[in-house]
Amino acid sequence: MTHLDSYRQVDPESVPGPPLPVLTDGWHARAVDPGGPDLDLVHRWMQAPHVAAFWHQAWPRERWEEELRGQLDGRHSLPCLVSLDGDPVMYVEVYRAVRDVVGQVYATRPHDLGLHLAVGELSMTDRGLVRSLLPVLTDALFAADPLCTRVLLEPDVRNRRAISSFMAGGFSPVGEVLLPDKVALLMVRTR
């Protein structure tokens, strides 16, 4: 169990969907367009062995199209492409923890936001992209939702590379949690 403090339960339906962060310092985020080249890019990245090993979503293109459309039509998760100086470098899902399976394993605050991140190209890993993006991204999320006091990540405990990058990007580990597809290290950055 984690060391996050308890919080009064709230009706998840009363909380708005996750916001699109407005990034700075050469970074840009936009919602994925599942009807064009974005779908091909996300699909290709999810097939990459270094991503598939931890995301477990090396699905066919059609399933990814359905997944992205479903996320865009709902209030749980917002799929985004993050670019640096105009070039897409990461796939990011911003999600409401209160509507996610992770919200069932720790004391969720109503406006907590979670992140799933994937650097799609192996050649772009180990360049400090994640540790550079995270402070900008979390600041943008706090600005977009003034009621959000925590942003969290839940990497697989075996993904040491991600955990190290997340810590360097300002996130602190608070404990391990058991999720349906992994044992995760819950990591948090507070406002």
C-alpha atoms as a PDB file:
ATOM      1  CA  MET A   1       0.000   0.000   0.000  1.00  0.00           C
ATOM      2  CA  THR A   2       1.183   3.516  -0.649  1.00  0.00           C
ATOM      3  CA  HIS A   3       1.853   6.376   1.726  1.00  0.00           C
ATOM      4  CA  LEU A   4      -0.483   8.820   0.003  1.00  0.00           C
ATOM      5  CA  ASP A   5      -2.871  10.481   2.397  1.00  0.00           C
ATOM      6  CA  SER A   6      -6.533   9.634   2.405  1.00  0.00           C
ATOM      7  CA  TYR A   7      -9.047  11.939   0.813  1.00  0.00           C
ATOM      8  CA  ARG A   8     -12.822  12.129   0.803  1.00  0.00           C
ATOM      9  CA  GLN A   9     -14.280  10.085  -2.047  1.00  0.00           C
ATOM     10  CA  VAL A  10     -15.994  12.043  -4.786  1.00  0.00           C
ATOM     11  CA  ASP A  11     -18.250  11.079  -7.641  1.00  0.00           C
ATOM     12  CA  PRO A  12     -15.917  10.575 -10.637  1.00  0.00           C
ATOM     13  CA  GLU A  13     -18.603  11.905 -12.962  1.00  0.00           C
ATOM     14  CA  SER A  14     -18.378  15.343 -11.346  1.00  0.00           C
ATOM     15  CA  VAL A  15     -14.726  15.742 -12.362  1.00  0.00           C
ATOM     16  CA  PRO A  16     -13.944  17.125 -15.846  1.00  0.00           C
ATOM     17  CA  GLY A  17     -11.902  15.176 -18.369  1.00  0.00           C
ATOM     18  CA  PRO A  18      -8.128  15.587 -18.413  1.00  0.00           C
ATOM     19  CA  PRO A  19      -6.885  18.893 -19.833  1.00  0.00           C
ATOM     20  CA  LEU A  20      -4.622  19.373 -22.822  1.00  0.00           C
ATOM     21  CA  PRO A  21      -1.412  20.880 -21.418  1.00  0.00           C
ATOM     22  CA  VAL A  22      -0.025  24.037 -23.011  1.00  0.00           C
ATOM     23  CA  LEU A  23       3.723  23.446 -23.020  1.00  0.00           C
ATOM     24  CA  THR A  24       6.696  25.844 -23.211  1.00  0.00           C
ATOM     25  CA  ASP A  25      10.456  25.706 -23.819  1.00  0.00           C
ATOM     26  CA  GLY A  26      10.195  24.240 -27.330  1.00  0.00           C
ATOM     27  CA  TRP A  27       7.701  21.545 -26.289  1.00  0.00           C
ATOM     28  CA  HIS A  28       4.226  21.249 -27.799  1.00  0.00           C
ATOM     29  CA  ALA A  29       1.355  18.856 -27.038  1.00  0.00           C
ATOM     30  CA  ARG A  30      -1.689  18.183 -29.148  1.00  0.00           C
ATOM     31  CA  ALA A  31      -4.444  15.617 -29.124  1.00  0.00           C
ATOM     32  CA  VAL A  32      -3.812  12.668 -31.422  1.00  0.00           C
ATOM     33  CA  ASP A  33      -5.770  12.659 -34.695  1.00  0.00           C
ATOM     34  CA  PRO A  34      -6.771   9.008 -35.214  1.00  0.00           C
ATOM     35  CA  GLY A  35      -7.800   9.651 -38.811  1.00  0.00           C
ATOM     36  CA  GLY A  36      -4.393  10.240 -40.364  1.00  0.00           C
ATOM     37  CA  PRO A  37      -0.635  10.003 -39.944  1.00  0.00           C
ATOM     38  CA  ASP A  38      -0.867  10.207 -36.129  1.00  0.00           C
ATOM     39  CA  LEU A  39      -2.469   6.768 -36.054  1.00  0.00           C
ATOM     40  CA  ASP A  40       0.358   5.302 -38.142  1.00  0.00           C
ATOM     41  CA  LEU A  41       2.962   6.897 -35.871  1.00  0.00           C
ATOM     42  CA  VAL A  42       1.375   5.707 -32.615  1.00  0.00           C
ATOM     43  CA  HIS A  43       0.826   2.236 -34.063  1.00  0.00           C
ATOM     44  CA  ARG A  44       4.474   2.004 -35.198  1.00  0.00           C
ATOM     45  CA  TRP A  45       5.791   3.235 -31.862  1.00  0.00           C
ATOM     46  CA  MET A  46       3.689   0.710 -29.942  1.00  0.00           C
ATOM     47  CA  GLN A  47       5.191  -2.097 -32.039  1.00  0.00           C
ATOM     48  CA  ALA A  48       8.742  -1.092 -31.065  1.00  0.00           C
ATOM     49  CA  PRO A  49      10.211  -3.719 -28.711  1.00  0.00           C
ATOM     50  CA  HIS A  50      11.345  -1.170 -26.097  1.00  0.00           C
ATOM     51  CA  VAL A  51       7.764   0.197 -25.880  1.00  0.00           C
ATOM     52  CA  ALA A  52       5.854  -3.079 -26.294  1.00  0.00           C
ATOM     53  CA  ALA A  53       7.828  -4.667 -23.439  1.00  0.00           C
ATOM     54  CA  PHE A  54       6.148  -2.386 -20.891  1.00  0.00           C
ATOM     55  CA  TRP A  55       2.988  -1.117 -22.617  1.00  0.00           C
ATOM     56  CA  HIS A  56       1.780  -4.571 -23.761  1.00  0.00           C
ATOM     57  CA  GLN A  57      -0.212  -2.860 -26.530  1.00  0.00           C
ATOM     58  CA  ALA A  58       1.449  -3.983 -29.753  1.00  0.00           C
ATOM     59  CA  TRP A  59      -2.028  -4.143 -31.244  1.00  0.00           C
ATOM     60  CA  PRO A  60      -3.090  -4.092 -34.885  1.00  0.00           C
ATOM     61  CA  ARG A  61      -3.588  -0.656 -36.440  1.00  0.00           C
ATOM     62  CA  GLU A  62      -7.383  -1.045 -36.379  1.00  0.00           C
ATOM     63  CA  ARG A  63      -7.415  -1.672 -32.635  1.00  0.00           C
ATOM     64  CA  TRP A  64      -5.255   1.394 -32.055  1.00  0.00           C
ATOM     65  CA  GLU A  65      -7.654   3.481 -34.120  1.00  0.00           C
ATOM     66  CA  GLU A  66     -10.541   2.223 -31.976  1.00  0.00           C
ATOM     67  CA  GLU A  67      -8.556   2.876 -28.775  1.00  0.00           C
ATOM     68  CA  LEU A  68      -7.659   6.436 -29.727  1.00  0.00           C
ATOM     69  CA  ARG A  69     -11.185   7.277 -30.865  1.00  0.00           C
ATOM     70  CA  GLY A  70     -12.569   5.827 -27.632  1.00  0.00           C
ATOM     71  CA  GLN A  71     -10.204   7.909 -25.517  1.00  0.00           C
ATOM     72  CA  LEU A  72     -11.056  11.080 -27.440  1.00  0.00           C
ATOM     73  CA  ASP A  73     -14.785  10.420 -27.052  1.00  0.00           C
ATOM     74  CA  GLY A  74     -14.553   9.887 -23.281  1.00  0.00           C
ATOM     75  CA  ARG A  75     -13.533  11.746 -20.133  1.00  0.00           C
ATOM     76  CA  HIS A  76     -10.986   9.262 -18.791  1.00  0.00           C
ATOM     77  CA  SER A  77      -7.876   9.768 -20.885  1.00  0.00           C
ATOM     78  CA  LEU A  78      -6.536  12.196 -23.482  1.00  0.00           C
ATOM     79  CA  PRO A  79      -4.049  10.731 -26.000  1.00  0.00           C
ATOM     80  CA  CYS A  80      -1.425  13.268 -27.096  1.00  0.00           C
ATOM     81  CA  LEU A  81       1.601  13.579 -29.286  1.00  0.00           C
ATOM     82  CA  VAL A  82       4.362  15.648 -27.736  1.00  0.00           C
ATOM     83  CA  SER A  83       6.817  17.390 -30.039  1.00  0.00           C
ATOM     84  CA  LEU A  84      10.127  19.067 -29.356  1.00  0.00           C
ATOM     85  CA  ASP A  85      11.041  21.860 -31.755  1.00  0.00           C
ATOM     86  CA  GLY A  86       8.371  20.613 -34.174  1.00  0.00           C
ATOM     87  CA  ASP A  87       9.310  16.917 -34.217  1.00  0.00           C
ATOM     88  CA  PRO A  88       7.024  14.342 -32.510  1.00  0.00           C
ATOM     89  CA  VAL A  89       9.082  12.499 -29.895  1.00  0.00           C
ATOM     90  CA  MET A  90       6.589  11.054 -27.394  1.00  0.00           C
ATOM     91  CA  TYR A  91       3.164   9.553 -27.069  1.00  0.00           C
ATOM     92  CA  VAL A  92       1.529  10.701 -23.822  1.00  0.00           C
ATOM     93  CA  GLU A  93      -1.792   9.808 -22.253  1.00  0.00           C
ATOM     94  CA  VAL A  94      -3.048  12.267 -19.647  1.00  0.00           C
ATOM     95  CA  TYR A  95      -5.688  10.562 -17.510  1.00  0.00           C
ATOM     96  CA  ARG A  96      -7.931  11.187 -14.515  1.00  0.00           C
ATOM     97  CA  ALA A  97      -6.777   8.809 -11.794  1.00  0.00           C
ATOM     98  CA  VAL A  98     -10.247   8.767 -10.217  1.00  0.00           C
ATOM     99  CA  ARG A  99     -11.552   7.104 -13.422  1.00  0.00           C
ATOM    100  CA  ASP A 100      -8.614   4.720 -13.819  1.00  0.00           C
ATOM    101  CA  VAL A 101      -7.774   1.344 -12.321  1.00  0.00           C
ATOM    102  CA  VAL A 102      -4.900   3.023 -10.432  1.00  0.00           C
ATOM    103  CA  GLY A 103      -7.510   5.076  -8.585  1.00  0.00           C
ATOM    104  CA  GLN A 104      -8.688   1.870  -6.912  1.00  0.00           C
ATOM    105  CA  VAL A 105      -5.329   1.160  -5.263  1.00  0.00           C
ATOM    106  CA  TYR A 106      -4.514   4.453  -3.545  1.00  0.00           C
ATOM    107  CA  ALA A 107      -6.417   7.297  -1.882  1.00  0.00           C
ATOM    108  CA  THR A 108      -7.346   9.266  -4.990  1.00  0.00           C
ATOM    109  CA  ARG A 109      -8.010  12.976  -4.864  1.00  0.00           C
ATOM    110  CA  PRO A 110     -10.740  14.071  -7.287  1.00  0.00           C
ATOM    111  CA  HIS A 111      -8.472  16.086  -9.596  1.00  0.00           C
ATOM    112  CA  ASP A 112      -5.363  13.869  -9.542  1.00  0.00           C
ATOM    113  CA  LEU A 113      -3.933  13.442 -13.029  1.00  0.00           C
ATOM    114  CA  GLY A 114      -1.874  10.520 -14.259  1.00  0.00           C
ATOM    115  CA  LEU A 115       0.531  10.139 -17.147  1.00  0.00           C
ATOM    116  CA  HIS A 116       1.537   7.302 -19.435  1.00  0.00           C
ATOM    117  CA  LEU A 117       4.602   8.159 -21.547  1.00  0.00           C
ATOM    118  CA  ALA A 118       6.355   6.402 -24.398  1.00  0.00           C
ATOM    119  CA  VAL A 119       9.411   7.586 -26.312  1.00  0.00           C
ATOM    120  CA  GLY A 120       8.629   5.878 -29.586  1.00  0.00           C
ATOM    121  CA  GLU A 121      11.982   5.838 -31.336  1.00  0.00           C
ATOM    122  CA  LEU A 122      14.702   3.793 -29.645  1.00  0.00           C
ATOM    123  CA  SER A 123      17.282   6.248 -30.997  1.00  0.00           C
ATOM    124  CA  MET A 124      15.594   9.013 -28.955  1.00  0.00           C
ATOM    125  CA  THR A 125      15.864   7.187 -25.620  1.00  0.00           C
ATOM    126  CA  ASP A 126      18.617   8.005 -23.127  1.00  0.00           C
ATOM    127  CA  ARG A 127      18.803  11.607 -24.349  1.00  0.00           C
ATOM    128  CA  GLY A 128      17.156  13.210 -21.319  1.00  0.00           C
ATOM    129  CA  LEU A 129      13.871  13.916 -23.118  1.00  0.00           C
ATOM    130  CA  VAL A 130      11.629  12.575 -20.354  1.00  0.00           C
ATOM    131  CA  ARG A 131      13.477  14.281 -17.518  1.00  0.00           C
ATOM    132  CA  SER A 132      13.387  17.552 -19.504  1.00  0.00           C
ATOM    133  CA  LEU A 133       9.708  17.263 -20.409  1.00  0.00           C
ATOM    134  CA  LEU A 134       8.275  16.260 -17.037  1.00  0.00           C
ATOM    135  CA  PRO A 135       8.742  19.563 -15.160  1.00  0.00           C
ATOM    136  CA  VAL A 136       7.287  21.513 -18.106  1.00  0.00           C
ATOM    137  CA  LEU A 137       4.419  19.029 -18.520  1.00  0.00           C
ATOM    138  CA  THR A 138       3.465  18.870 -14.845  1.00  0.00           C
ATOM    139  CA  ASP A 139       3.616  22.669 -14.491  1.00  0.00           C
ATOM    140  CA  ALA A 140       1.324  22.941 -17.538  1.00  0.00           C
ATOM    141  CA  LEU A 141      -1.114  20.422 -16.053  1.00  0.00           C
ATOM    142  CA  PHE A 142      -1.200  22.295 -12.726  1.00  0.00           C
ATOM    143  CA  ALA A 143      -1.862  25.513 -14.667  1.00  0.00           C
ATOM    144  CA  ALA A 144      -4.605  23.873 -16.752  1.00  0.00           C
ATOM    145  CA  ASP A 145      -6.400  22.464 -13.698  1.00  0.00           C
ATOM    146  CA  PRO A 146      -6.019  24.700 -10.633  1.00  0.00           C
ATOM    147  CA  LEU A 147      -7.729  22.023  -8.488  1.00  0.00           C
ATOM    148  CA  CYS A 148      -5.116  19.394  -9.371  1.00  0.00           C
ATOM    149  CA  THR A 149      -2.580  18.993  -6.561  1.00  0.00           C
ATOM    150  CA  ARG A 150      -0.864  15.778  -7.720  1.00  0.00           C
ATOM    151  CA  VAL A 151       0.334  14.268 -10.977  1.00  0.00           C
ATOM    152  CA  LEU A 152       1.283  10.605 -10.892  1.00  0.00           C
ATOM    153  CA  LEU A 153       3.080   7.974 -12.881  1.00  0.00           C
ATOM    154  CA  GLU A 154       2.899   4.224 -12.358  1.00  0.00           C
ATOM    155  CA  PRO A 155       5.790   2.533 -14.173  1.00  0.00           C
ATOM    156  CA  ASP A 156       6.388  -1.196 -13.990  1.00  0.00           C
ATOM    157  CA  VAL A 157       8.819  -1.803 -11.111  1.00  0.00           C
ATOM    158  CA  ARG A 158      11.131  -3.579 -13.570  1.00  0.00           C
ATOM    159  CA  ASN A 159      11.417  -0.509 -15.809  1.00  0.00           C
ATOM    160  CA  ARG A 160      14.463   0.987 -14.111  1.00  0.00           C
ATOM    161  CA  ARG A 161      15.186   3.326 -17.036  1.00  0.00           C
ATOM    162  CA  ALA A 162      11.762   4.963 -16.747  1.00  0.00           C
ATOM    163  CA  ILE A 163      11.902   5.164 -12.947  1.00  0.00           C
ATOM    164  CA  SER A 164      15.288   6.876 -13.091  1.00  0.00           C
ATOM    165  CA  SER A 165      14.034   9.372 -15.702  1.00  0.00           C
ATOM    166  CA  PHE A 166      10.876  10.074 -13.716  1.00  0.00           C
ATOM    167  CA  MET A 167      12.856  10.746 -10.541  1.00  0.00           C
ATOM    168  CA  ALA A 168      15.195  13.064 -12.470  1.00  0.00           C
ATOM    169  CA  GLY A 169      12.060  14.819 -13.791  1.00  0.00           C
ATOM    170  CA  GLY A 170      10.834  15.659 -10.275  1.00  0.00           C
ATOM    171  CA  PHE A 171       8.685  12.654  -9.318  1.00  0.00           C
ATOM    172  CA  SER A 172       9.067  10.851  -5.984  1.00  0.00           C
ATOM    173  CA  PRO A 173       8.279   7.189  -5.366  1.00  0.00           C
ATOM    174  CA  VAL A 174       5.551   6.613  -2.762  1.00  0.00           C
ATOM    175  CA  GLY A 175       5.106   2.842  -2.874  1.00  0.00           C
ATOM    176  CA  GLU A 176       4.366  -0.200  -4.939  1.00  0.00           C
ATOM    177  CA  VAL A 177       0.845  -1.004  -6.107  1.00  0.00           C
ATOM    178  CA  LEU A 178      -0.584  -4.086  -7.760  1.00  0.00           C
ATOM    179  CA  LEU A 179      -2.342  -3.333 -11.037  1.00  0.00           C
ATOM    180  CA  PRO A 180      -4.004  -5.911 -13.312  1.00  0.00           C
ATOM    181  CA  ASP A 181      -1.031  -6.108 -15.697  1.00  0.00           C
ATOM    182  CA  LYS A 182       1.938  -5.237 -13.479  1.00  0.00           C
ATOM    183  CA  VAL A 183       3.436  -4.407 -10.140  1.00  0.00           C
ATOM    184  CA  ALA A 184       3.871  -0.655 -10.406  1.00  0.00           C
ATOM    185  CA  LEU A 185       5.867   1.933  -8.543  1.00  0.00           C
ATOM    186  CA  LEU A 186       3.503   4.796  -7.800  1.00  0.00           C
ATOM    187  CA  MET A 187       5.380   8.056  -8.291  1.00  0.00           C
ATOM    188  CA  VAL A 188       4.032  11.534  -7.545  1.00  0.00           C
ATOM    189  CA  ARG A 189       4.832  15.165  -8.110  1.00  0.00           C
ATOM    190  CA  THR A 190       2.838  17.592  -5.991  1.00  0.00           C
ATOM    191  CA  ARG A 191       1.899  21.170  -6.734  1.00  0.00           C
END
